[in-house]
Amino acid sequence: MKKIIAIIMALTMVCALALVFTSCTDNKAPVNEENSTEADAATSMTATEGVLVMATNAAFPPYEFVEGGEYAGIDVEIAEKIAEKLGMTLEIKDVDFGAIIGGVQSGKFDMGMAGMTVTDERLESVNFSTTYATGIQVVIVAEDSDIKSLDDLKGDGSMKFGVQQDTTGDIYASDTAENGGYGEENVIRYKTGADAVQALKSGKVQAVIIDNEPAKSFVAANEGLKILDAEWAVEDYAIAIAKENTALLTAVNGALAALEADGIIDAIIAKYIPSAETASEAA
């Protein structure tokens, strides 16, 4: 009798565990099920249910910055609208730019949004959403500099170039001359674009390579600097999402499409860049 009771109790525990496991897995339904919504799919794939954790580097105006103790900028407002579309609450984590991809890849953050360009190297680690803006890389120099055009930029050791570490400005400038760069030995990396600009003002570097809109902000805030009159590079901005998180990627792309169709993305960009009329002119 005791053996029978023990067997019954063991079977009861197995059934209970099976029910718990089933209820947990049922909460993560695939995004392509007919009864699944974008919000359900996105929520089931995030680290904390109902919370969309976005990693950024809030020193990149007008895309992300801190104002009055609050996060603001193009990326911040677009992310807020995405979270709203998905029925979620946005949580922003301000981290070093170079930590964003790794954090998204490991699941520490649900997505990375920081004026981030799609590159082949980054695509090896994460997926990217559809493009929501176009970025232009430009060059900042001192107003009295002998550098008058892009043709004057040299990778022969006579110039040092300041960049924000791990950005595409860093990646491109550090490449070889054959690939359009100036050589890694001629590039000095800084934690933020603002640090690179201060290095330019103090003469530690002769040029800073950075995105156009932050460049405008830095030049406006620092006398004696100017932006060269040519585009150094043109690239697309998108949102980084972990490769295995296909449900969230689908949901975010759907939200971006809806926001684009409603004119909301263009309106947000125009708020921070008044001269812009379309998202492609945003950068």
C-alpha atoms as a PDB file:
ATOM      1  CA  MET A   1       0.000   0.000   0.000  1.00  0.00           C
ATOM      2  CA  LYS A   2       2.785   2.425   0.902  1.00  0.00           C
ATOM      3  CA  LYS A   3       4.427   1.747  -2.463  1.00  0.00           C
ATOM      4  CA  ILE A   4       1.155   2.456  -4.285  1.00  0.00           C
ATOM      5  CA  ILE A   5       0.688   5.736  -2.405  1.00  0.00           C
ATOM      6  CA  ALA A   6       4.277   6.763  -3.181  1.00  0.00           C
ATOM      7  CA  ILE A   7       3.759   6.025  -6.884  1.00  0.00           C
ATOM      8  CA  ILE A   8       0.522   8.013  -6.932  1.00  0.00           C
ATOM      9  CA  MET A   9       2.233  10.972  -5.220  1.00  0.00           C
ATOM     10  CA  ALA A  10       5.143  10.857  -7.693  1.00  0.00           C
ATOM     11  CA  LEU A  11       2.752  10.805 -10.645  1.00  0.00           C
ATOM     12  CA  THR A  12       0.844  13.738  -9.155  1.00  0.00           C
ATOM     13  CA  MET A  13       4.038  15.800  -8.869  1.00  0.00           C
ATOM     14  CA  VAL A  14       5.018  14.992 -12.475  1.00  0.00           C
ATOM     15  CA  CYS A  15       1.589  16.082 -13.714  1.00  0.00           C
ATOM     16  CA  ALA A  16       1.789  19.303 -11.718  1.00  0.00           C
ATOM     17  CA  LEU A  17       5.207  20.131 -13.143  1.00  0.00           C
ATOM     18  CA  ALA A  18       3.953  19.357 -16.619  1.00  0.00           C
ATOM     19  CA  LEU A  19       1.050  21.770 -16.139  1.00  0.00           C
ATOM     20  CA  VAL A  20       3.378  24.515 -14.942  1.00  0.00           C
ATOM     21  CA  PHE A  21       5.720  23.992 -17.866  1.00  0.00           C
ATOM     22  CA  THR A  22       2.802  24.002 -20.327  1.00  0.00           C
ATOM     23  CA  SER A  23       1.380  27.222 -18.895  1.00  0.00           C
ATOM     24  CA  CYS A  24       4.796  28.916 -19.121  1.00  0.00           C
ATOM     25  CA  THR A  25       5.442  27.868 -22.680  1.00  0.00           C
ATOM     26  CA  ASP A  26       1.904  28.801 -23.736  1.00  0.00           C
ATOM     27  CA  ASN A  27       2.751  32.394 -22.768  1.00  0.00           C
ATOM     28  CA  LYS A  28       5.356  32.544 -25.547  1.00  0.00           C
ATOM     29  CA  ALA A  29       3.215  31.842 -28.621  1.00  0.00           C
ATOM     30  CA  PRO A  30       4.945  32.170 -32.026  1.00  0.00           C
ATOM     31  CA  VAL A  31       4.365  35.469 -33.782  1.00  0.00           C
ATOM     32  CA  ASN A  32       2.811  33.808 -36.839  1.00  0.00           C
ATOM     33  CA  GLU A  33      -0.091  32.193 -34.983  1.00  0.00           C
ATOM     34  CA  GLU A  34      -3.443  33.485 -36.211  1.00  0.00           C
ATOM     35  CA  ASN A  35      -4.582  34.522 -32.743  1.00  0.00           C
ATOM     36  CA  SER A  36      -1.316  36.344 -31.947  1.00  0.00           C
ATOM     37  CA  THR A  37      -0.973  40.121 -32.084  1.00  0.00           C
ATOM     38  CA  GLU A  38       2.154  42.241 -32.487  1.00  0.00           C
ATOM     39  CA  ALA A  39       1.891  43.317 -28.872  1.00  0.00           C
ATOM     40  CA  ASP A  40       1.556  39.741 -27.611  1.00  0.00           C
ATOM     41  CA  ALA A  41       4.514  38.584 -29.700  1.00  0.00           C
ATOM     42  CA  ALA A  42       6.754  41.460 -28.660  1.00  0.00           C
ATOM     43  CA  THR A  43       5.864  41.150 -24.979  1.00  0.00           C
ATOM     44  CA  SER A  44       6.504  37.420 -24.907  1.00  0.00           C
ATOM     45  CA  MET A  45       9.995  37.885 -26.311  1.00  0.00           C
ATOM     46  CA  THR A  46      11.270  40.610 -23.970  1.00  0.00           C
ATOM     47  CA  ALA A  47      13.218  40.106 -20.766  1.00  0.00           C
ATOM     48  CA  THR A  48      10.510  41.674 -18.599  1.00  0.00           C
ATOM     49  CA  GLU A  49       6.888  41.246 -19.618  1.00  0.00           C
ATOM     50  CA  GLY A  50       5.324  44.503 -20.774  1.00  0.00           C
ATOM     51  CA  VAL A  51       8.617  46.451 -20.716  1.00  0.00           C
ATOM     52  CA  LEU A  52      10.648  47.318 -23.817  1.00  0.00           C
ATOM     53  CA  VAL A  53      14.252  47.940 -22.756  1.00  0.00           C
ATOM     54  CA  MET A  54      16.130  50.213 -25.153  1.00  0.00           C
ATOM     55  CA  ALA A  55      19.888  50.731 -24.929  1.00  0.00           C
ATOM     56  CA  THR A  56      21.233  54.050 -26.180  1.00  0.00           C
ATOM     57  CA  ASN A  57      24.130  56.448 -25.745  1.00  0.00           C
ATOM     58  CA  ALA A  58      22.506  59.712 -24.723  1.00  0.00           C
ATOM     59  CA  ALA A  59      25.270  62.014 -25.970  1.00  0.00           C
ATOM     60  CA  PHE A  60      24.280  62.169 -29.612  1.00  0.00           C
ATOM     61  CA  PRO A  61      21.994  65.177 -30.200  1.00  0.00           C
ATOM     62  CA  PRO A  62      19.472  65.490 -31.718  1.00  0.00           C
ATOM     63  CA  TYR A  63      18.942  61.722 -31.789  1.00  0.00           C
ATOM     64  CA  GLU A  64      19.421  61.097 -28.068  1.00  0.00           C
ATOM     65  CA  PHE A  65      20.454  63.402 -25.259  1.00  0.00           C
ATOM     66  CA  VAL A  66      19.521  64.398 -21.719  1.00  0.00           C
ATOM     67  CA  GLU A  67      17.564  67.586 -21.122  1.00  0.00           C
ATOM     68  CA  GLY A  68      16.210  68.668 -17.759  1.00  0.00           C
ATOM     69  CA  GLY A  69      17.066  65.275 -16.338  1.00  0.00           C
ATOM     70  CA  GLU A  70      14.968  63.491 -18.984  1.00  0.00           C
ATOM     71  CA  TYR A  71      15.898  61.595 -22.122  1.00  0.00           C
ATOM     72  CA  ALA A  72      14.965  63.382 -25.325  1.00  0.00           C
ATOM     73  CA  GLY A  73      15.638  63.239 -29.041  1.00  0.00           C
ATOM     74  CA  ILE A  74      14.521  61.652 -32.289  1.00  0.00           C
ATOM     75  CA  ASP A  75      15.345  58.075 -31.311  1.00  0.00           C
ATOM     76  CA  VAL A  76      13.790  58.480 -27.883  1.00  0.00           C
ATOM     77  CA  GLU A  77      10.478  59.741 -29.257  1.00  0.00           C
ATOM     78  CA  ILE A  78      10.329  57.119 -32.014  1.00  0.00           C
ATOM     79  CA  ALA A  79      11.059  54.396 -29.436  1.00  0.00           C
ATOM     80  CA  GLU A  80       8.275  55.749 -27.228  1.00  0.00           C
ATOM     81  CA  LYS A  81       5.849  55.532 -30.142  1.00  0.00           C
ATOM     82  CA  ILE A  82       6.985  51.982 -30.943  1.00  0.00           C
ATOM     83  CA  ALA A  83       6.417  50.923 -27.331  1.00  0.00           C
ATOM     84  CA  GLU A  84       3.003  52.585 -27.405  1.00  0.00           C
ATOM     85  CA  LYS A  85       2.086  50.689 -30.582  1.00  0.00           C
ATOM     86  CA  LEU A  86       3.115  47.429 -28.933  1.00  0.00           C
ATOM     87  CA  GLY A  87       1.222  48.161 -25.729  1.00  0.00           C
ATOM     88  CA  MET A  88       4.439  48.265 -23.724  1.00  0.00           C
ATOM     89  CA  THR A  89       6.328  50.613 -21.428  1.00  0.00           C
ATOM     90  CA  LEU A  90       9.667  51.951 -22.674  1.00  0.00           C
ATOM     91  CA  GLU A  91      12.685  51.731 -20.369  1.00  0.00           C
ATOM     92  CA  ILE A  92      15.884  53.488 -21.490  1.00  0.00           C
ATOM     93  CA  LYS A  93      19.377  52.403 -20.487  1.00  0.00           C
ATOM     94  CA  ASP A  94      22.162  54.926 -21.169  1.00  0.00           C
ATOM     95  CA  VAL A  95      25.371  52.992 -21.846  1.00  0.00           C
ATOM     96  CA  ASP A  96      28.629  53.327 -23.757  1.00  0.00           C
ATOM     97  CA  PHE A  97      27.968  53.111 -27.492  1.00  0.00           C
ATOM     98  CA  GLY A  98      30.305  50.149 -27.821  1.00  0.00           C
ATOM     99  CA  ALA A  99      28.305  48.162 -25.255  1.00  0.00           C
ATOM    100  CA  ILE A 100      24.999  48.329 -27.119  1.00  0.00           C
ATOM    101  CA  ILE A 101      25.457  45.529 -29.668  1.00  0.00           C
ATOM    102  CA  GLY A 102      26.861  43.083 -27.109  1.00  0.00           C
ATOM    103  CA  GLY A 103      24.088  43.911 -24.646  1.00  0.00           C
ATOM    104  CA  VAL A 104      21.394  43.334 -27.263  1.00  0.00           C
ATOM    105  CA  GLN A 105      23.069  40.128 -28.419  1.00  0.00           C
ATOM    106  CA  SER A 106      23.176  38.735 -24.867  1.00  0.00           C
ATOM    107  CA  GLY A 107      19.580  39.702 -24.094  1.00  0.00           C
ATOM    108  CA  LYS A 108      20.487  42.366 -21.542  1.00  0.00           C
ATOM    109  CA  PHE A 109      18.623  44.903 -23.698  1.00  0.00           C
ATOM    110  CA  ASP A 110      15.669  44.246 -25.980  1.00  0.00           C
ATOM    111  CA  MET A 111      16.867  46.658 -28.636  1.00  0.00           C
ATOM    112  CA  GLY A 112      19.559  49.201 -29.388  1.00  0.00           C
ATOM    113  CA  MET A 113      18.678  52.595 -30.837  1.00  0.00           C
ATOM    114  CA  ALA A 114      21.420  55.204 -30.960  1.00  0.00           C
ATOM    115  CA  GLY A 115      21.713  56.669 -34.431  1.00  0.00           C
ATOM    116  CA  MET A 116      23.098  53.244 -35.272  1.00  0.00           C
ATOM    117  CA  THR A 117      24.184  52.367 -38.791  1.00  0.00           C
ATOM    118  CA  VAL A 118      23.653  48.973 -40.383  1.00  0.00           C
ATOM    119  CA  THR A 119      27.032  47.413 -41.191  1.00  0.00           C
ATOM    120  CA  ASP A 120      28.095  43.931 -42.296  1.00  0.00           C
ATOM    121  CA  GLU A 121      30.117  43.511 -39.114  1.00  0.00           C
ATOM    122  CA  ARG A 122      27.173  44.382 -36.855  1.00  0.00           C
ATOM    123  CA  LEU A 123      24.882  42.100 -38.854  1.00  0.00           C
ATOM    124  CA  GLU A 124      27.068  39.196 -37.770  1.00  0.00           C
ATOM    125  CA  SER A 125      25.944  39.788 -34.165  1.00  0.00           C
ATOM    126  CA  VAL A 126      22.401  41.197 -34.386  1.00  0.00           C
ATOM    127  CA  ASN A 127      19.512  41.776 -36.755  1.00  0.00           C
ATOM    128  CA  PHE A 128      18.352  45.239 -37.752  1.00  0.00           C
ATOM    129  CA  SER A 129      14.911  46.686 -38.266  1.00  0.00           C
ATOM    130  CA  THR A 130      13.887  48.488 -41.405  1.00  0.00           C
ATOM    131  CA  THR A 131      15.570  51.858 -41.828  1.00  0.00           C
ATOM    132  CA  TYR A 132      13.895  54.837 -40.186  1.00  0.00           C
ATOM    133  CA  ALA A 133      16.378  57.613 -41.113  1.00  0.00           C
ATOM    134  CA  THR A 134      19.427  58.345 -43.234  1.00  0.00           C
ATOM    135  CA  GLY A 135      22.680  59.444 -41.639  1.00  0.00           C
ATOM    136  CA  ILE A 136      25.434  61.515 -43.194  1.00  0.00           C
ATOM    137  CA  GLN A 137      28.982  61.484 -41.870  1.00  0.00           C
ATOM    138  CA  VAL A 138      30.784  64.834 -42.051  1.00  0.00           C
ATOM    139  CA  VAL A 139      34.098  66.302 -40.953  1.00  0.00           C
ATOM    140  CA  ILE A 140      34.553  69.063 -38.362  1.00  0.00           C
ATOM    141  CA  VAL A 141      37.703  71.183 -38.452  1.00  0.00           C
ATOM    142  CA  ALA A 142      38.911  74.445 -36.918  1.00  0.00           C
ATOM    143  CA  GLU A 143      37.781  77.550 -38.809  1.00  0.00           C
ATOM    144  CA  ASP A 144      41.397  78.574 -39.440  1.00  0.00           C
ATOM    145  CA  SER A 145      42.473  75.069 -40.469  1.00  0.00           C
ATOM    146  CA  ASP A 146      44.440  74.408 -43.652  1.00  0.00           C
ATOM    147  CA  ILE A 147      41.924  71.636 -44.300  1.00  0.00           C
ATOM    148  CA  LYS A 148      39.500  73.205 -46.757  1.00  0.00           C
ATOM    149  CA  SER A 149      37.933  70.115 -48.339  1.00  0.00           C
ATOM    150  CA  LEU A 150      37.834  66.341 -48.049  1.00  0.00           C
ATOM    151  CA  ASP A 151      40.712  66.182 -50.529  1.00  0.00           C
ATOM    152  CA  ASP A 152      42.953  67.809 -47.925  1.00  0.00           C
ATOM    153  CA  LEU A 153      42.500  64.945 -45.457  1.00  0.00           C
ATOM    154  CA  LYS A 154      45.634  62.808 -45.342  1.00  0.00           C
ATOM    155  CA  GLY A 155      46.445  59.446 -43.822  1.00  0.00           C
ATOM    156  CA  ASP A 156      50.203  59.947 -44.092  1.00  0.00           C
ATOM    157  CA  GLY A 157      50.767  60.587 -40.402  1.00  0.00           C
ATOM    158  CA  SER A 158      50.554  64.381 -40.684  1.00  0.00           C
ATOM    159  CA  MET A 159      46.987  64.459 -39.296  1.00  0.00           C
ATOM    160  CA  LYS A 160      45.122  62.885 -36.423  1.00  0.00           C
ATOM    161  CA  PHE A 161      41.399  62.167 -36.679  1.00  0.00           C
ATOM    162  CA  GLY A 162      39.081  62.161 -33.672  1.00  0.00           C
ATOM    163  CA  VAL A 163      36.118  59.777 -33.616  1.00  0.00           C
ATOM    164  CA  GLN A 164      33.628  58.348 -31.143  1.00  0.00           C
ATOM    165  CA  GLN A 165      34.762  54.831 -30.368  1.00  0.00           C
ATOM    166  CA  ASP A 166      32.927  51.974 -32.127  1.00  0.00           C
ATOM    167  CA  THR A 167      30.883  54.264 -34.382  1.00  0.00           C
ATOM    168  CA  THR A 168      30.988  53.973 -38.155  1.00  0.00           C
ATOM    169  CA  GLY A 169      33.152  57.094 -38.200  1.00  0.00           C
ATOM    170  CA  ASP A 170      35.673  55.060 -36.206  1.00  0.00           C
ATOM    171  CA  ILE A 171      35.273  51.974 -38.395  1.00  0.00           C
ATOM    172  CA  TYR A 172      35.609  53.801 -41.715  1.00  0.00           C
ATOM    173  CA  ALA A 173      38.384  56.208 -40.703  1.00  0.00           C
ATOM    174  CA  SER A 174      40.467  53.412 -39.133  1.00  0.00           C
ATOM    175  CA  ASP A 175      40.399  51.388 -42.341  1.00  0.00           C
ATOM    176  CA  THR A 176      43.227  51.367 -44.857  1.00  0.00           C
ATOM    177  CA  ALA A 177      43.719  53.987 -47.560  1.00  0.00           C
ATOM    178  CA  GLU A 178      42.685  51.390 -50.168  1.00  0.00           C
ATOM    179  CA  ASN A 179      39.278  51.189 -48.456  1.00  0.00           C
ATOM    180  CA  GLY A 180      38.895  54.956 -48.065  1.00  0.00           C
ATOM    181  CA  GLY A 181      40.245  55.230 -44.525  1.00  0.00           C
ATOM    182  CA  TYR A 182      43.246  56.956 -42.986  1.00  0.00           C
ATOM    183  CA  GLY A 183      44.834  54.083 -41.083  1.00  0.00           C
ATOM    184  CA  GLU A 184      44.200  53.008 -37.517  1.00  0.00           C
ATOM    185  CA  GLU A 185      47.457  54.614 -36.353  1.00  0.00           C
ATOM    186  CA  ASN A 186      46.098  58.045 -37.339  1.00  0.00           C
ATOM    187  CA  VAL A 187      42.764  57.721 -35.523  1.00  0.00           C
ATOM    188  CA  ILE A 188      42.197  58.648 -31.877  1.00  0.00           C
ATOM    189  CA  ARG A 189      39.078  57.178 -30.266  1.00  0.00           C
ATOM    190  CA  TYR A 190      37.018  59.000 -27.658  1.00  0.00           C
ATOM    191  CA  LYS A 191      34.168  57.870 -25.450  1.00  0.00           C
ATOM    192  CA  THR A 192      31.781  60.508 -26.841  1.00  0.00           C
ATOM    193  CA  GLY A 193      31.587  62.847 -29.795  1.00  0.00           C
ATOM    194  CA  ALA A 194      31.813  65.762 -27.387  1.00  0.00           C
ATOM    195  CA  ASP A 195      35.171  64.471 -26.136  1.00  0.00           C
ATOM    196  CA  ALA A 196      36.437  64.256 -29.718  1.00  0.00           C
ATOM    197  CA  VAL A 197      35.355  67.842 -30.360  1.00  0.00           C
ATOM    198  CA  GLN A 198      37.181  69.038 -27.253  1.00  0.00           C
ATOM    199  CA  ALA A 199      40.292  67.261 -28.525  1.00  0.00           C
ATOM    200  CA  LEU A 200      39.922  69.167 -31.799  1.00  0.00           C
ATOM    201  CA  LYS A 201      39.659  72.467 -29.932  1.00  0.00           C
ATOM    202  CA  SER A 202      42.803  71.705 -27.943  1.00  0.00           C
ATOM    203  CA  GLY A 203      44.753  70.683 -31.057  1.00  0.00           C
ATOM    204  CA  LYS A 204      45.101  67.001 -30.185  1.00  0.00           C
ATOM    205  CA  VAL A 205      43.396  66.093 -33.472  1.00  0.00           C
ATOM    206  CA  GLN A 206      43.016  68.036 -36.711  1.00  0.00           C
ATOM    207  CA  ALA A 207      39.583  66.760 -37.705  1.00  0.00           C
ATOM    208  CA  VAL A 208      36.568  65.000 -36.187  1.00  0.00           C
ATOM    209  CA  ILE A 209      34.468  62.577 -38.212  1.00  0.00           C
ATOM    210  CA  ILE A 210      30.896  62.307 -36.955  1.00  0.00           C
ATOM    211  CA  ASP A 211      27.256  62.324 -38.048  1.00  0.00           C
ATOM    212  CA  ASN A 212      25.951  65.551 -39.531  1.00  0.00           C
ATOM    213  CA  GLU A 213      23.260  66.499 -37.013  1.00  0.00           C
ATOM    214  CA  PRO A 214      25.415  66.009 -33.903  1.00  0.00           C
ATOM    215  CA  ALA A 215      28.154  67.873 -35.794  1.00  0.00           C
ATOM    216  CA  LYS A 216      25.821  70.848 -36.203  1.00  0.00           C
ATOM    217  CA  SER A 217      25.054  70.824 -32.486  1.00  0.00           C
ATOM    218  CA  PHE A 218      28.718  70.636 -31.529  1.00  0.00           C
ATOM    219  CA  VAL A 219      29.726  73.434 -33.914  1.00  0.00           C
ATOM    220  CA  ALA A 220      26.888  75.646 -32.671  1.00  0.00           C
ATOM    221  CA  ALA A 221      28.037  75.118 -29.083  1.00  0.00           C
ATOM    222  CA  ASN A 222      31.755  75.637 -29.742  1.00  0.00           C
ATOM    223  CA  GLU A 223      33.168  78.768 -31.364  1.00  0.00           C
ATOM    224  CA  GLY A 224      35.935  78.477 -33.901  1.00  0.00           C
ATOM    225  CA  LEU A 225      34.775  75.256 -35.559  1.00  0.00           C
ATOM    226  CA  LYS A 226      33.172  74.501 -38.912  1.00  0.00           C
ATOM    227  CA  ILE A 227      31.874  71.579 -40.957  1.00  0.00           C
ATOM    228  CA  LEU A 228      33.415  70.878 -44.350  1.00  0.00           C
ATOM    229  CA  ASP A 229      30.973  71.358 -47.218  1.00  0.00           C
ATOM    230  CA  ALA A 230      30.786  67.751 -48.388  1.00  0.00           C
ATOM    231  CA  GLU A 231      29.352  64.436 -47.262  1.00  0.00           C
ATOM    232  CA  TRP A 232      32.058  62.087 -46.027  1.00  0.00           C
ATOM    233  CA  ALA A 233      29.741  59.045 -46.023  1.00  0.00           C
ATOM    234  CA  VAL A 234      26.016  58.268 -46.275  1.00  0.00           C
ATOM    235  CA  GLU A 235      24.417  55.452 -44.282  1.00  0.00           C
ATOM    236  CA  ASP A 236      21.134  54.090 -42.909  1.00  0.00           C
ATOM    237  CA  TYR A 237      19.938  54.166 -39.286  1.00  0.00           C
ATOM    238  CA  ALA A 238      18.053  51.175 -37.891  1.00  0.00           C
ATOM    239  CA  ILE A 239      17.239  49.402 -34.620  1.00  0.00           C
ATOM    240  CA  ALA A 240      19.409  46.523 -33.386  1.00  0.00           C
ATOM    241  CA  ILE A 241      17.568  43.426 -32.121  1.00  0.00           C
ATOM    242  CA  ALA A 242      18.912  40.021 -31.072  1.00  0.00           C
ATOM    243  CA  LYS A 243      19.022  37.447 -33.877  1.00  0.00           C
ATOM    244  CA  GLU A 244      16.859  34.923 -32.036  1.00  0.00           C
ATOM    245  CA  ASN A 245      14.270  37.578 -31.145  1.00  0.00           C
ATOM    246  CA  THR A 246      12.422  37.359 -34.456  1.00  0.00           C
ATOM    247  CA  ALA A 247       9.050  38.037 -32.828  1.00  0.00           C
ATOM    248  CA  LEU A 248      10.200  41.422 -31.556  1.00  0.00           C
ATOM    249  CA  LEU A 249      11.855  42.234 -34.893  1.00  0.00           C
ATOM    250  CA  THR A 250       8.593  41.552 -36.722  1.00  0.00           C
ATOM    251  CA  ALA A 251       6.624  43.602 -34.203  1.00  0.00           C
ATOM    252  CA  VAL A 252       9.029  46.563 -34.344  1.00  0.00           C
ATOM    253  CA  ASN A 253       9.036  46.559 -38.146  1.00  0.00           C
ATOM    254  CA  GLY A 254       5.254  46.567 -38.112  1.00  0.00           C
ATOM    255  CA  ALA A 255       5.200  49.485 -35.689  1.00  0.00           C
ATOM    256  CA  LEU A 256       7.738  51.431 -37.775  1.00  0.00           C
ATOM    257  CA  ALA A 257       5.673  50.875 -40.923  1.00  0.00           C
ATOM    258  CA  ALA A 258       2.551  52.165 -39.196  1.00  0.00           C
ATOM    259  CA  LEU A 259       4.367  55.197 -37.761  1.00  0.00           C
ATOM    260  CA  GLU A 260       5.844  55.963 -41.180  1.00  0.00           C
ATOM    261  CA  ALA A 261       2.455  55.651 -42.891  1.00  0.00           C
ATOM    262  CA  ASP A 262       0.888  57.986 -40.334  1.00  0.00           C
ATOM    263  CA  GLY A 263       3.615  60.600 -40.841  1.00  0.00           C
ATOM    264  CA  ILE A 264       4.653  60.349 -37.199  1.00  0.00           C
ATOM    265  CA  ILE A 265       8.326  59.578 -37.861  1.00  0.00           C
ATOM    266  CA  ASP A 266       8.640  62.526 -40.245  1.00  0.00           C
ATOM    267  CA  ALA A 267       6.963  64.791 -37.686  1.00  0.00           C
ATOM    268  CA  ILE A 268       9.353  63.709 -34.925  1.00  0.00           C
ATOM    269  CA  ILE A 269      12.380  64.271 -37.147  1.00  0.00           C
ATOM    270  CA  ALA A 270      11.076  67.677 -38.267  1.00  0.00           C
ATOM    271  CA  LYS A 271      10.629  68.657 -34.605  1.00  0.00           C
ATOM    272  CA  TYR A 272      14.373  68.296 -34.014  1.00  0.00           C
ATOM    273  CA  ILE A 273      15.567  69.099 -37.540  1.00  0.00           C
ATOM    274  CA  PRO A 274      13.105  71.791 -38.741  1.00  0.00           C
ATOM    275  CA  SER A 275      14.478  71.913 -42.277  1.00  0.00           C
ATOM    276  CA  ALA A 276      13.812  68.206 -42.832  1.00  0.00           C
ATOM    277  CA  GLU A 277      10.716  67.319 -44.840  1.00  0.00           C
ATOM    278  CA  THR A 278      11.201  63.597 -45.108  1.00  0.00           C
ATOM    279  CA  ALA A 279      12.897  60.926 -43.053  1.00  0.00           C
ATOM    280  CA  SER A 280      15.556  60.541 -45.740  1.00  0.00           C
ATOM    281  CA  GLU A 281      16.566  64.162 -45.152  1.00  0.00           C
ATOM    282  CA  ALA A 282      16.732  63.647 -41.394  1.00  0.00           C
ATOM    283  CA  ALA A 283      20.455  63.277 -41.148  1.00  0.00           C
END
